[in-house]
């Protein structure tokens, strides 16, 4: 009978993989959404934006896993809900030819309002990053009210939605850089402690 040896995960190594992947994913989403998708014809542009949305969801879930493992349950829940809410944005591209297009897009605000508040509970974030995080829900919340009050003003709606997308992609890139730098500091601190322990 074949025996299987249980392998315990190396949490430091796994954390490093998660941090590096979320940095790569959010960076790629930022570049594609700002410098590639807007300049392509309709069909390839839609495909690029679908990929951007997929990347954003993946990045959110990666951070959620990292924070949950570290015990930051409130923020981890926020990033999980963010990934779910962004699924609405992913699906909305398929409704562009229908009248409910804007209603579908703006409904993502119902998820963004609680999740950004929960993410801002992440204590290590500096105050300025917490404020930027909270700001991200503002454009989508305004677009939700505009859609309910004056749904035919698509120009105003799109202005707020585009502002919302831009805010999310910029802030997500800042998150990614923050978590990468945080991880590098942790690795240096661990290495320093190991050296001190060997010398003592």
N, C-alpha and C. Protein backbone atom coordinates (compact mmCIF):
# COMPACT_ATOMS: atom_id res chain seq x y z
N UNK A 1 0.85 -1.19 0.00
CA UNK A 1 0.00 0.00 0.00
C UNK A 1 0.89 1.24 0.00
N UNK A 2 0.55 2.18 -0.86
CA UNK A 2 1.34 3.41 -0.96
C UNK A 2 1.00 4.34 0.18
N UNK A 3 2.03 4.85 0.84
CA UNK A 3 1.80 5.78 1.95
C UNK A 3 2.03 7.21 1.45
N UNK A 4 1.18 8.10 1.89
CA UNK A 4 1.27 9.50 1.49
C UNK A 4 1.74 10.33 2.68
N UNK A 5 2.73 11.11 2.44
CA UNK A 5 3.28 11.96 3.48
C UNK A 5 2.58 13.31 3.44
N UNK A 6 2.00 13.68 4.55
CA UNK A 6 1.33 14.98 4.62
C UNK A 6 2.37 16.10 4.60
N UNK A 7 2.19 17.04 3.69
CA UNK A 7 3.12 18.16 3.58
C UNK A 7 2.48 19.43 4.11
N UNK A 8 3.09 19.99 5.14
CA UNK A 8 2.58 21.24 5.68
C UNK A 8 3.02 22.39 4.77
N UNK A 9 2.13 23.32 4.50
CA UNK A 9 2.50 24.42 3.62
C UNK A 9 3.50 25.37 4.28
N UNK A 10 4.38 25.91 3.47
CA UNK A 10 5.31 26.94 3.93
C UNK A 10 4.59 28.28 3.77
N UNK A 11 4.05 28.80 4.86
CA UNK A 11 3.20 29.99 4.78
C UNK A 11 3.97 31.23 4.28
N UNK A 12 5.22 31.31 4.62
CA UNK A 12 6.02 32.45 4.15
C UNK A 12 6.19 32.39 2.64
N UNK A 13 6.50 31.18 2.14
CA UNK A 13 6.66 31.00 0.71
C UNK A 13 5.34 31.22 -0.03
N UNK A 14 4.25 30.66 0.52
CA UNK A 14 2.93 30.83 -0.09
C UNK A 14 2.53 32.30 -0.10
N UNK A 15 2.80 33.00 1.00
CA UNK A 15 2.48 34.41 1.08
C UNK A 15 3.24 35.20 0.04
N UNK A 16 4.50 34.82 -0.18
CA UNK A 16 5.30 35.48 -1.20
C UNK A 16 4.71 35.30 -2.59
N UNK A 17 4.24 34.10 -2.88
CA UNK A 17 3.61 33.83 -4.18
C UNK A 17 2.35 34.66 -4.36
N UNK A 18 1.52 34.70 -3.32
CA UNK A 18 0.27 35.46 -3.38
C UNK A 18 0.56 36.94 -3.61
N UNK A 19 1.51 37.49 -2.87
CA UNK A 19 1.84 38.91 -2.97
C UNK A 19 2.38 39.26 -4.35
N UNK A 20 3.26 38.42 -4.87
CA UNK A 20 3.83 38.68 -6.20
C UNK A 20 2.79 38.57 -7.29
N UNK A 21 1.92 37.57 -7.18
CA UNK A 21 0.88 37.39 -8.19
C UNK A 21 -0.14 38.52 -8.16
N UNK A 22 -0.53 38.97 -6.97
CA UNK A 22 -1.51 40.06 -6.93
C UNK A 22 -0.90 41.35 -7.48
N UNK A 23 0.40 41.56 -7.27
CA UNK A 23 1.07 42.73 -7.85
C UNK A 23 1.08 42.65 -9.37
N UNK A 24 1.42 41.48 -9.89
CA UNK A 24 1.42 41.28 -11.34
C UNK A 24 0.02 41.46 -11.93
N UNK A 25 -0.97 40.87 -11.27
CA UNK A 25 -2.34 40.90 -11.78
C UNK A 25 -2.93 42.31 -11.77
N UNK A 26 -2.80 43.02 -10.67
CA UNK A 26 -3.35 44.38 -10.60
C UNK A 26 -2.59 45.34 -11.52
N UNK A 27 -1.28 45.12 -11.67
CA UNK A 27 -0.50 45.96 -12.59
C UNK A 27 -0.96 45.75 -14.03
N UNK A 28 -1.16 44.48 -14.39
CA UNK A 28 -1.61 44.15 -15.74
C UNK A 28 -3.01 44.71 -15.99
N UNK A 29 -3.89 44.60 -15.00
CA UNK A 29 -5.25 45.14 -15.14
C UNK A 29 -5.22 46.65 -15.33
N UNK A 30 -4.34 47.33 -14.60
CA UNK A 30 -4.21 48.79 -14.71
C UNK A 30 -3.74 49.19 -16.11
N UNK A 31 -2.72 48.51 -16.61
CA UNK A 31 -2.16 48.83 -17.94
C UNK A 31 -3.18 48.54 -19.04
N UNK A 32 -3.81 47.38 -18.99
CA UNK A 32 -4.77 47.00 -20.04
C UNK A 32 -5.99 47.93 -20.04
N UNK A 33 -6.46 48.31 -18.87
CA UNK A 33 -7.66 49.13 -18.79
C UNK A 33 -7.42 50.57 -19.21
N UNK A 34 -6.19 51.05 -19.04
CA UNK A 34 -5.90 52.46 -19.34
C UNK A 34 -5.18 52.69 -20.66
N UNK A 35 -4.36 51.73 -21.08
CA UNK A 35 -3.50 51.98 -22.23
C UNK A 35 -3.69 51.01 -23.39
N UNK A 36 -4.57 50.03 -23.25
CA UNK A 36 -4.79 49.06 -24.34
C UNK A 36 -6.25 49.03 -24.77
N UNK A 37 -7.13 48.66 -23.84
CA UNK A 37 -8.55 48.50 -24.15
C UNK A 37 -9.21 49.70 -24.81
N UNK A 38 -8.98 50.93 -24.32
CA UNK A 38 -9.67 52.10 -24.89
C UNK A 38 -9.27 52.40 -26.34
N UNK A 39 -8.17 51.86 -26.81
CA UNK A 39 -7.66 52.23 -28.13
C UNK A 39 -7.85 51.13 -29.18
N UNK A 40 -8.59 50.09 -28.83
CA UNK A 40 -8.83 48.99 -29.76
C UNK A 40 -10.23 49.09 -30.36
N UNK A 41 -10.45 48.44 -31.51
CA UNK A 41 -11.81 48.36 -32.06
C UNK A 41 -12.75 47.66 -31.09
N UNK A 42 -14.04 47.74 -31.35
CA UNK A 42 -15.08 47.29 -30.42
C UNK A 42 -14.89 45.87 -29.91
N UNK A 43 -14.80 44.89 -30.79
CA UNK A 43 -14.76 43.49 -30.37
C UNK A 43 -13.50 43.16 -29.56
N UNK A 44 -12.29 43.47 -30.07
CA UNK A 44 -11.10 43.20 -29.23
C UNK A 44 -11.07 44.02 -27.96
N UNK A 45 -11.64 45.23 -28.00
CA UNK A 45 -11.69 46.07 -26.80
C UNK A 45 -12.56 45.41 -25.73
N UNK A 46 -13.71 44.87 -26.13
CA UNK A 46 -14.58 44.18 -25.17
C UNK A 46 -13.88 42.97 -24.57
N UNK A 47 -13.12 42.26 -25.39
CA UNK A 47 -12.40 41.09 -24.90
C UNK A 47 -11.33 41.49 -23.89
N UNK A 48 -10.65 42.59 -24.16
CA UNK A 48 -9.61 43.08 -23.25
C UNK A 48 -10.23 43.48 -21.92
N UNK A 49 -11.37 44.19 -21.98
CA UNK A 49 -12.01 44.63 -20.74
C UNK A 49 -12.58 43.46 -19.94
N UNK A 50 -13.00 42.41 -20.65
CA UNK A 50 -13.41 41.18 -19.96
C UNK A 50 -12.22 40.58 -19.20
N UNK A 51 -11.07 40.59 -19.85
CA UNK A 51 -9.85 40.06 -19.22
C UNK A 51 -9.46 40.93 -18.03
N UNK A 52 -9.60 42.25 -18.18
CA UNK A 52 -9.31 43.16 -17.08
C UNK A 52 -10.18 42.85 -15.87
N UNK A 53 -11.47 42.65 -16.11
CA UNK A 53 -12.39 42.33 -15.02
C UNK A 53 -12.03 41.00 -14.36
N UNK A 54 -11.68 40.03 -15.17
CA UNK A 54 -11.26 38.73 -14.64
C UNK A 54 -10.02 38.88 -13.76
N UNK A 55 -9.06 39.68 -14.22
CA UNK A 55 -7.84 39.91 -13.45
C UNK A 55 -8.15 40.60 -12.13
N UNK A 56 -9.04 41.58 -12.18
CA UNK A 56 -9.39 42.33 -10.97
C UNK A 56 -10.01 41.40 -9.94
N UNK A 57 -10.90 40.51 -10.39
CA UNK A 57 -11.52 39.55 -9.47
C UNK A 57 -10.47 38.63 -8.87
N UNK A 58 -9.55 38.14 -9.69
CA UNK A 58 -8.48 37.25 -9.20
C UNK A 58 -7.61 37.95 -8.16
N UNK A 59 -7.22 39.19 -8.46
CA UNK A 59 -6.40 39.95 -7.52
C UNK A 59 -7.09 40.17 -6.19
N UNK A 60 -8.39 40.47 -6.24
CA UNK A 60 -9.16 40.69 -5.01
C UNK A 60 -9.22 39.44 -4.15
N UNK A 61 -9.44 38.30 -4.79
CA UNK A 61 -9.54 37.05 -4.05
C UNK A 61 -8.18 36.66 -3.45
N UNK A 62 -7.09 36.91 -4.19
CA UNK A 62 -5.76 36.62 -3.66
C UNK A 62 -5.49 37.41 -2.38
N UNK A 63 -5.83 38.69 -2.40
CA UNK A 63 -5.62 39.51 -1.19
C UNK A 63 -6.52 39.02 -0.07
N UNK A 64 -7.76 38.63 -0.40
CA UNK A 64 -8.69 38.12 0.61
C UNK A 64 -8.10 36.90 1.31
N UNK A 65 -7.51 36.00 0.53
CA UNK A 65 -6.91 34.78 1.10
C UNK A 65 -5.75 35.15 2.03
N UNK A 66 -4.91 36.06 1.58
CA UNK A 66 -3.75 36.49 2.38
C UNK A 66 -4.20 37.09 3.71
N UNK A 67 -5.16 38.01 3.67
CA UNK A 67 -5.61 38.69 4.89
C UNK A 67 -6.35 37.75 5.83
N UNK A 68 -7.11 36.81 5.26
CA UNK A 68 -7.83 35.85 6.10
C UNK A 68 -6.84 34.97 6.86
N UNK A 69 -5.77 34.56 6.18
CA UNK A 69 -4.76 33.72 6.83
C UNK A 69 -4.05 34.48 7.95
N UNK A 70 -3.94 35.80 7.79
CA UNK A 70 -3.27 36.62 8.80
C UNK A 70 -4.21 37.04 9.93
N UNK A 71 -5.51 36.75 9.78
CA UNK A 71 -6.46 37.07 10.83
C UNK A 71 -7.19 38.39 10.67
N UNK A 72 -7.01 39.05 9.51
CA UNK A 72 -7.72 40.30 9.25
C UNK A 72 -9.05 39.97 8.56
N UNK A 73 -9.97 39.40 9.33
CA UNK A 73 -11.19 38.84 8.76
C UNK A 73 -12.11 39.87 8.12
N UNK A 74 -12.23 41.06 8.74
CA UNK A 74 -13.12 42.08 8.20
C UNK A 74 -12.66 42.53 6.82
N UNK A 75 -11.37 42.86 6.70
CA UNK A 75 -10.83 43.30 5.41
C UNK A 75 -10.86 42.17 4.39
N UNK A 76 -10.58 40.94 4.84
CA UNK A 76 -10.62 39.79 3.95
C UNK A 76 -12.02 39.60 3.38
N UNK A 77 -13.03 39.77 4.22
CA UNK A 77 -14.42 39.68 3.77
C UNK A 77 -14.72 40.77 2.75
N UNK A 78 -14.18 41.97 3.00
CA UNK A 78 -14.37 43.08 2.07
C UNK A 78 -13.81 42.78 0.69
N UNK A 79 -12.59 42.23 0.64
CA UNK A 79 -11.99 41.89 -0.66
C UNK A 79 -12.75 40.76 -1.35
N UNK A 80 -13.31 39.84 -0.56
CA UNK A 80 -14.12 38.76 -1.16
C UNK A 80 -15.38 39.34 -1.79
N UNK A 81 -16.06 40.23 -1.07
CA UNK A 81 -17.27 40.86 -1.60
C UNK A 81 -16.94 41.73 -2.81
N UNK A 82 -15.77 42.37 -2.78
CA UNK A 82 -15.34 43.17 -3.93
C UNK A 82 -15.22 42.29 -5.17
N UNK A 83 -14.63 41.10 -5.02
CA UNK A 83 -14.53 40.18 -6.15
C UNK A 83 -15.88 39.76 -6.68
N UNK A 84 -16.84 39.54 -5.75
CA UNK A 84 -18.20 39.17 -6.16
C UNK A 84 -18.87 40.33 -6.89
N UNK A 85 -18.74 41.54 -6.32
CA UNK A 85 -19.34 42.72 -6.93
C UNK A 85 -18.77 43.02 -8.31
N UNK A 86 -17.48 42.77 -8.45
CA UNK A 86 -16.85 43.03 -9.76
C UNK A 86 -17.34 42.04 -10.80
N UNK A 87 -17.89 40.92 -10.35
CA UNK A 87 -18.49 39.97 -11.29
C UNK A 87 -19.66 40.59 -12.03
N UNK A 88 -20.34 41.56 -11.39
CA UNK A 88 -21.43 42.27 -12.05
C UNK A 88 -20.87 43.10 -13.21
N UNK A 89 -19.72 43.74 -12.98
CA UNK A 89 -19.08 44.52 -14.03
C UNK A 89 -18.68 43.60 -15.19
N UNK A 90 -18.17 42.43 -14.85
CA UNK A 90 -17.78 41.44 -15.87
C UNK A 90 -18.99 41.06 -16.73
N UNK A 91 -20.12 40.80 -16.07
CA UNK A 91 -21.32 40.38 -16.79
C UNK A 91 -21.96 41.53 -17.57
N UNK A 92 -21.77 42.76 -17.09
CA UNK A 92 -22.45 43.92 -17.70
C UNK A 92 -22.08 44.12 -19.17
N UNK A 93 -20.87 43.72 -19.55
CA UNK A 93 -20.45 43.88 -20.95
C UNK A 93 -21.36 43.11 -21.90
N UNK A 94 -21.96 42.04 -21.41
CA UNK A 94 -22.84 41.23 -22.26
C UNK A 94 -24.21 41.86 -22.43
N UNK A 95 -24.49 42.96 -21.67
CA UNK A 95 -25.80 43.60 -21.75
C UNK A 95 -25.72 44.96 -22.44
N UNK A 96 -24.58 45.26 -23.09
CA UNK A 96 -24.40 46.58 -23.69
C UNK A 96 -25.46 46.91 -24.73
N UNK A 97 -25.97 45.90 -25.41
CA UNK A 97 -26.95 46.14 -26.48
C UNK A 97 -28.38 46.23 -25.95
N UNK A 98 -28.56 46.11 -24.63
CA UNK A 98 -29.89 46.16 -24.02
C UNK A 98 -30.06 47.43 -23.20
N UNK A 99 -31.31 47.81 -22.96
CA UNK A 99 -31.60 49.02 -22.20
C UNK A 99 -31.19 48.89 -20.72
N UNK A 100 -31.10 47.66 -20.24
CA UNK A 100 -30.76 47.46 -18.82
C UNK A 100 -29.25 47.55 -18.56
N UNK A 101 -28.48 47.85 -19.61
CA UNK A 101 -27.02 47.90 -19.51
C UNK A 101 -26.56 48.74 -18.32
N UNK A 102 -26.99 50.01 -18.26
CA UNK A 102 -26.55 50.91 -17.20
C UNK A 102 -27.07 50.49 -15.83
N UNK A 103 -28.26 49.94 -15.81
CA UNK A 103 -28.82 49.49 -14.54
C UNK A 103 -27.99 48.35 -13.95
N UNK A 104 -27.52 47.46 -14.84
CA UNK A 104 -26.68 46.35 -14.38
C UNK A 104 -25.35 46.88 -13.85
N UNK A 105 -24.73 47.80 -14.60
CA UNK A 105 -23.43 48.32 -14.18
C UNK A 105 -23.50 49.05 -12.85
N UNK A 106 -24.49 49.94 -12.72
CA UNK A 106 -24.57 50.74 -11.49
C UNK A 106 -24.98 49.91 -10.29
N UNK A 107 -25.62 48.77 -10.50
CA UNK A 107 -26.03 47.93 -9.37
C UNK A 107 -24.84 47.35 -8.61
N UNK A 108 -23.65 47.41 -9.21
CA UNK A 108 -22.45 46.95 -8.51
C UNK A 108 -22.20 47.77 -7.24
N UNK A 109 -22.76 49.00 -7.21
CA UNK A 109 -22.57 49.87 -6.04
C UNK A 109 -23.12 49.23 -4.78
N UNK A 110 -24.15 48.39 -4.91
CA UNK A 110 -24.72 47.74 -3.73
C UNK A 110 -23.68 46.86 -3.03
N UNK A 111 -22.71 46.34 -3.80
CA UNK A 111 -21.64 45.54 -3.23
C UNK A 111 -20.46 46.42 -2.80
N UNK A 112 -20.18 47.47 -3.61
CA UNK A 112 -18.99 48.28 -3.36
C UNK A 112 -19.10 49.09 -2.07
N UNK A 113 -20.30 49.54 -1.73
CA UNK A 113 -20.45 50.36 -0.52
C UNK A 113 -20.01 49.60 0.73
N UNK A 114 -20.55 48.40 1.00
CA UNK A 114 -20.09 47.71 2.22
C UNK A 114 -18.66 47.19 2.13
N UNK A 115 -18.26 46.71 0.95
CA UNK A 115 -16.93 46.07 0.87
C UNK A 115 -15.80 47.07 1.05
N UNK A 116 -15.96 48.30 0.53
CA UNK A 116 -14.88 49.28 0.68
C UNK A 116 -14.77 49.77 2.12
N UNK A 117 -15.91 49.83 2.81
CA UNK A 117 -15.88 50.18 4.24
C UNK A 117 -15.16 49.08 5.02
N UNK A 118 -15.45 47.83 4.68
CA UNK A 118 -14.80 46.71 5.36
C UNK A 118 -13.31 46.66 5.08
N UNK A 119 -12.92 46.94 3.83
CA UNK A 119 -11.49 46.95 3.48
C UNK A 119 -10.76 48.06 4.23
N UNK A 120 -11.43 49.20 4.40
CA UNK A 120 -10.82 50.33 5.11
C UNK A 120 -10.57 50.02 6.58
N UNK A 121 -11.17 48.93 7.09
CA UNK A 121 -10.93 48.50 8.47
C UNK A 121 -9.55 47.85 8.63
N UNK A 122 -8.86 47.62 7.53
CA UNK A 122 -7.53 46.99 7.62
C UNK A 122 -6.59 47.96 8.32
N UNK A 123 -6.26 47.64 9.55
CA UNK A 123 -5.55 48.57 10.44
C UNK A 123 -4.19 49.02 9.91
N UNK A 124 -3.37 48.14 9.29
CA UNK A 124 -2.06 48.59 8.82
C UNK A 124 -2.09 49.64 7.71
N UNK A 125 -3.21 49.77 6.99
CA UNK A 125 -3.28 50.80 5.95
C UNK A 125 -3.08 52.18 6.57
N UNK A 126 -2.25 53.03 5.96
CA UNK A 126 -2.16 54.42 6.43
C UNK A 126 -3.48 55.14 6.15
N UNK A 127 -3.71 56.25 6.84
CA UNK A 127 -4.97 56.98 6.73
C UNK A 127 -5.27 57.39 5.29
N UNK A 128 -4.23 57.86 4.56
CA UNK A 128 -4.48 58.32 3.19
C UNK A 128 -4.95 57.19 2.29
N UNK A 129 -4.47 55.98 2.53
CA UNK A 129 -4.90 54.85 1.71
C UNK A 129 -6.31 54.40 2.10
N UNK A 130 -6.65 54.51 3.37
CA UNK A 130 -8.02 54.21 3.79
C UNK A 130 -9.00 55.18 3.14
N UNK A 131 -8.62 56.46 3.07
CA UNK A 131 -9.50 57.46 2.46
C UNK A 131 -9.65 57.21 0.96
N UNK A 132 -8.55 56.85 0.29
CA UNK A 132 -8.64 56.53 -1.14
C UNK A 132 -9.52 55.30 -1.36
N UNK A 133 -9.40 54.33 -0.46
CA UNK A 133 -10.21 53.12 -0.55
C UNK A 133 -11.69 53.47 -0.44
N UNK A 134 -12.04 54.32 0.52
CA UNK A 134 -13.43 54.73 0.71
C UNK A 134 -13.93 55.56 -0.47
N UNK A 135 -13.03 56.34 -1.07
CA UNK A 135 -13.43 57.17 -2.21
C UNK A 135 -13.94 56.32 -3.38
N UNK A 136 -13.39 55.13 -3.53
CA UNK A 136 -13.74 54.29 -4.69
C UNK A 136 -15.23 53.99 -4.79
N UNK A 137 -15.91 53.98 -3.66
CA UNK A 137 -17.34 53.66 -3.71
C UNK A 137 -18.18 54.88 -4.09
N UNK A 138 -17.60 56.07 -4.03
CA UNK A 138 -18.36 57.30 -4.26
C UNK A 138 -18.85 57.42 -5.71
N UNK A 139 -17.98 57.30 -6.73
CA UNK A 139 -18.47 57.46 -8.11
C UNK A 139 -19.56 56.45 -8.47
N UNK A 140 -19.42 55.20 -8.03
CA UNK A 140 -20.44 54.19 -8.35
C UNK A 140 -21.74 54.46 -7.60
N UNK A 141 -21.64 54.98 -6.37
CA UNK A 141 -22.85 55.31 -5.61
C UNK A 141 -23.60 56.46 -6.28
N UNK A 142 -22.85 57.47 -6.74
CA UNK A 142 -23.48 58.59 -7.44
C UNK A 142 -24.11 58.11 -8.75
N UNK A 143 -23.40 57.27 -9.47
CA UNK A 143 -23.94 56.76 -10.74
C UNK A 143 -25.22 55.95 -10.50
N UNK A 144 -25.29 55.25 -9.35
CA UNK A 144 -26.49 54.49 -9.02
C UNK A 144 -27.68 55.42 -8.84
N UNK A 145 -27.47 56.53 -8.12
CA UNK A 145 -28.56 57.50 -7.91
C UNK A 145 -28.94 58.19 -9.21
N UNK A 146 -27.94 58.52 -10.03
CA UNK A 146 -28.22 59.16 -11.33
C UNK A 146 -29.06 58.23 -12.19
N UNK A 147 -28.71 56.94 -12.18
CA UNK A 147 -29.44 55.98 -13.00
C UNK A 147 -30.89 55.84 -12.53
N UNK A 148 -31.12 55.93 -11.23
CA UNK A 148 -32.47 55.81 -10.70
C UNK A 148 -33.29 57.07 -10.93
N UNK A 149 -32.62 58.24 -10.82
CA UNK A 149 -33.34 59.52 -10.93
C UNK A 149 -33.47 59.99 -12.37
N UNK A 150 -32.38 59.87 -13.13
CA UNK A 150 -32.39 60.36 -14.51
C UNK A 150 -31.67 59.35 -15.42
N UNK A 151 -32.28 58.20 -15.67
CA UNK A 151 -31.61 57.12 -16.41
C UNK A 151 -31.27 57.45 -17.86
N UNK A 152 -31.87 58.49 -18.41
CA UNK A 152 -31.62 58.82 -19.82
C UNK A 152 -30.39 59.71 -20.02
N UNK A 153 -29.83 60.20 -18.92
CA UNK A 153 -28.61 61.03 -19.03
C UNK A 153 -27.39 60.10 -19.03
N UNK A 154 -27.18 59.43 -20.15
CA UNK A 154 -26.10 58.44 -20.24
C UNK A 154 -24.72 59.08 -20.19
N UNK A 155 -24.62 60.32 -20.65
CA UNK A 155 -23.32 61.01 -20.63
C UNK A 155 -22.85 61.22 -19.19
N UNK A 156 -23.76 61.68 -18.33
CA UNK A 156 -23.42 61.88 -16.92
C UNK A 156 -23.14 60.55 -16.24
N UNK A 157 -23.96 59.55 -16.58
CA UNK A 157 -23.77 58.22 -16.02
C UNK A 157 -22.40 57.66 -16.35
N UNK A 158 -22.03 57.74 -17.62
CA UNK A 158 -20.74 57.21 -18.06
C UNK A 158 -19.58 57.97 -17.44
N UNK A 159 -19.76 59.27 -17.23
CA UNK A 159 -18.69 60.07 -16.61
C UNK A 159 -18.38 59.54 -15.21
N UNK A 160 -19.43 59.27 -14.43
CA UNK A 160 -19.22 58.78 -13.08
C UNK A 160 -18.72 57.34 -13.08
N UNK A 161 -19.25 56.54 -14.01
CA UNK A 161 -18.79 55.14 -14.08
C UNK A 161 -17.32 55.07 -14.46
N UNK A 162 -16.92 55.87 -15.45
CA UNK A 162 -15.51 55.88 -15.86
C UNK A 162 -14.62 56.37 -14.72
N UNK A 163 -15.12 57.36 -13.98
CA UNK A 163 -14.39 57.83 -12.81
C UNK A 163 -14.25 56.73 -11.77
N UNK A 164 -15.31 55.93 -11.64
CA UNK A 164 -15.28 54.81 -10.70
C UNK A 164 -14.28 53.75 -11.11
N UNK A 165 -14.29 53.39 -12.40
CA UNK A 165 -13.34 52.40 -12.89
C UNK A 165 -11.90 52.88 -12.70
N UNK A 166 -11.67 54.14 -13.06
CA UNK A 166 -10.32 54.70 -12.92
C UNK A 166 -9.85 54.70 -11.48
N UNK A 167 -10.76 55.05 -10.57
CA UNK A 167 -10.41 55.07 -9.14
C UNK A 167 -10.06 53.67 -8.64
N UNK A 168 -10.88 52.70 -9.00
CA UNK A 168 -10.63 51.33 -8.55
C UNK A 168 -9.30 50.79 -9.07
N UNK A 169 -9.01 51.04 -10.34
CA UNK A 169 -7.78 50.48 -10.90
C UNK A 169 -6.54 51.17 -10.34
N UNK A 170 -6.64 52.46 -10.07
CA UNK A 170 -5.51 53.16 -9.47
C UNK A 170 -5.30 52.70 -8.03
N UNK A 171 -6.37 52.64 -7.26
CA UNK A 171 -6.26 52.24 -5.85
C UNK A 171 -5.83 50.78 -5.73
N UNK A 172 -6.32 49.92 -6.62
CA UNK A 172 -5.91 48.51 -6.57
C UNK A 172 -4.43 48.36 -6.85
N UNK A 173 -3.89 49.20 -7.72
CA UNK A 173 -2.44 49.18 -7.98
C UNK A 173 -1.68 49.63 -6.74
N UNK A 174 -2.20 50.63 -6.04
CA UNK A 174 -1.58 51.10 -4.80
C UNK A 174 -1.63 49.99 -3.74
N UNK A 175 -2.79 49.32 -3.65
CA UNK A 175 -2.88 48.17 -2.73
C UNK A 175 -1.78 47.14 -3.03
N UNK A 176 -1.67 46.82 -4.32
CA UNK A 176 -0.72 45.79 -4.74
C UNK A 176 0.71 46.16 -4.34
N UNK A 177 1.08 47.40 -4.58
CA UNK A 177 2.42 47.87 -4.22
C UNK A 177 2.60 47.87 -2.71
N UNK A 178 1.58 48.30 -2.00
CA UNK A 178 1.64 48.32 -0.54
C UNK A 178 1.89 46.92 0.03
N UNK A 179 1.12 45.93 -0.42
CA UNK A 179 1.26 44.58 0.10
C UNK A 179 2.61 43.96 -0.28
N UNK A 180 3.11 44.32 -1.46
CA UNK A 180 4.43 43.81 -1.86
C UNK A 180 5.52 44.39 -0.97
N UNK A 181 5.46 45.69 -0.74
CA UNK A 181 6.46 46.34 0.12
C UNK A 181 6.36 45.83 1.55
N UNK A 182 5.13 45.61 2.01
CA UNK A 182 4.92 45.06 3.35
C UNK A 182 5.56 43.68 3.47
N UNK A 183 5.39 42.86 2.44
CA UNK A 183 5.98 41.51 2.45
C UNK A 183 7.50 41.58 2.46
N UNK A 184 8.07 42.47 1.66
CA UNK A 184 9.54 42.61 1.63
C UNK A 184 10.08 43.02 2.99
N UNK A 185 9.39 43.91 3.68
CA UNK A 185 9.81 44.33 5.02
C UNK A 185 9.74 43.16 6.00
N UNK A 186 8.69 42.34 5.88
CA UNK A 186 8.55 41.18 6.76
C UNK A 186 9.68 40.18 6.54
N UNK A 187 10.04 39.96 5.28
CA UNK A 187 11.13 39.03 4.95
C UNK A 187 12.46 39.53 5.53
N UNK A 188 12.71 40.83 5.40
CA UNK A 188 13.94 41.40 5.94
C UNK A 188 13.97 41.28 7.46
N UNK A 189 12.81 41.50 8.10
CA UNK A 189 12.74 41.40 9.56
C UNK A 189 12.98 39.97 10.03
N UNK A 190 12.43 38.99 9.29
CA UNK A 190 12.64 37.58 9.63
C UNK A 190 14.10 37.19 9.46
N UNK A 191 14.71 37.65 8.36
CA UNK A 191 16.12 37.35 8.11
C UNK A 191 17.01 37.97 9.19
N UNK A 192 16.69 39.19 9.60
CA UNK A 192 17.47 39.86 10.65
C UNK A 192 17.36 39.11 11.97
N UNK A 193 16.15 38.65 12.30
CA UNK A 193 15.93 37.90 13.53
C UNK A 193 16.69 36.58 13.53
N UNK A 194 16.71 35.91 12.36
CA UNK A 194 17.43 34.64 12.26
C UNK A 194 18.92 34.84 12.45
N UNK A 195 19.45 35.91 11.90
CA UNK A 195 20.88 36.22 12.06
C UNK A 195 21.21 36.50 13.52
N UNK A 196 20.35 37.29 14.17
CA UNK A 196 20.56 37.62 15.58
C UNK A 196 20.49 36.38 16.46
N UNK A 197 19.59 35.46 16.14
CA UNK A 197 19.45 34.23 16.91
C UNK A 197 20.68 33.33 16.75
N UNK A 198 21.24 33.31 15.54
CA UNK A 198 22.45 32.50 15.32
C UNK A 198 23.65 33.07 16.04
N UNK A 199 23.69 34.39 16.14
CA UNK A 199 24.84 35.06 16.78
C UNK A 199 24.73 35.10 18.30
N UNK A 200 23.54 34.83 18.83
CA UNK A 200 23.38 34.91 20.30
C UNK A 200 23.72 33.58 20.97
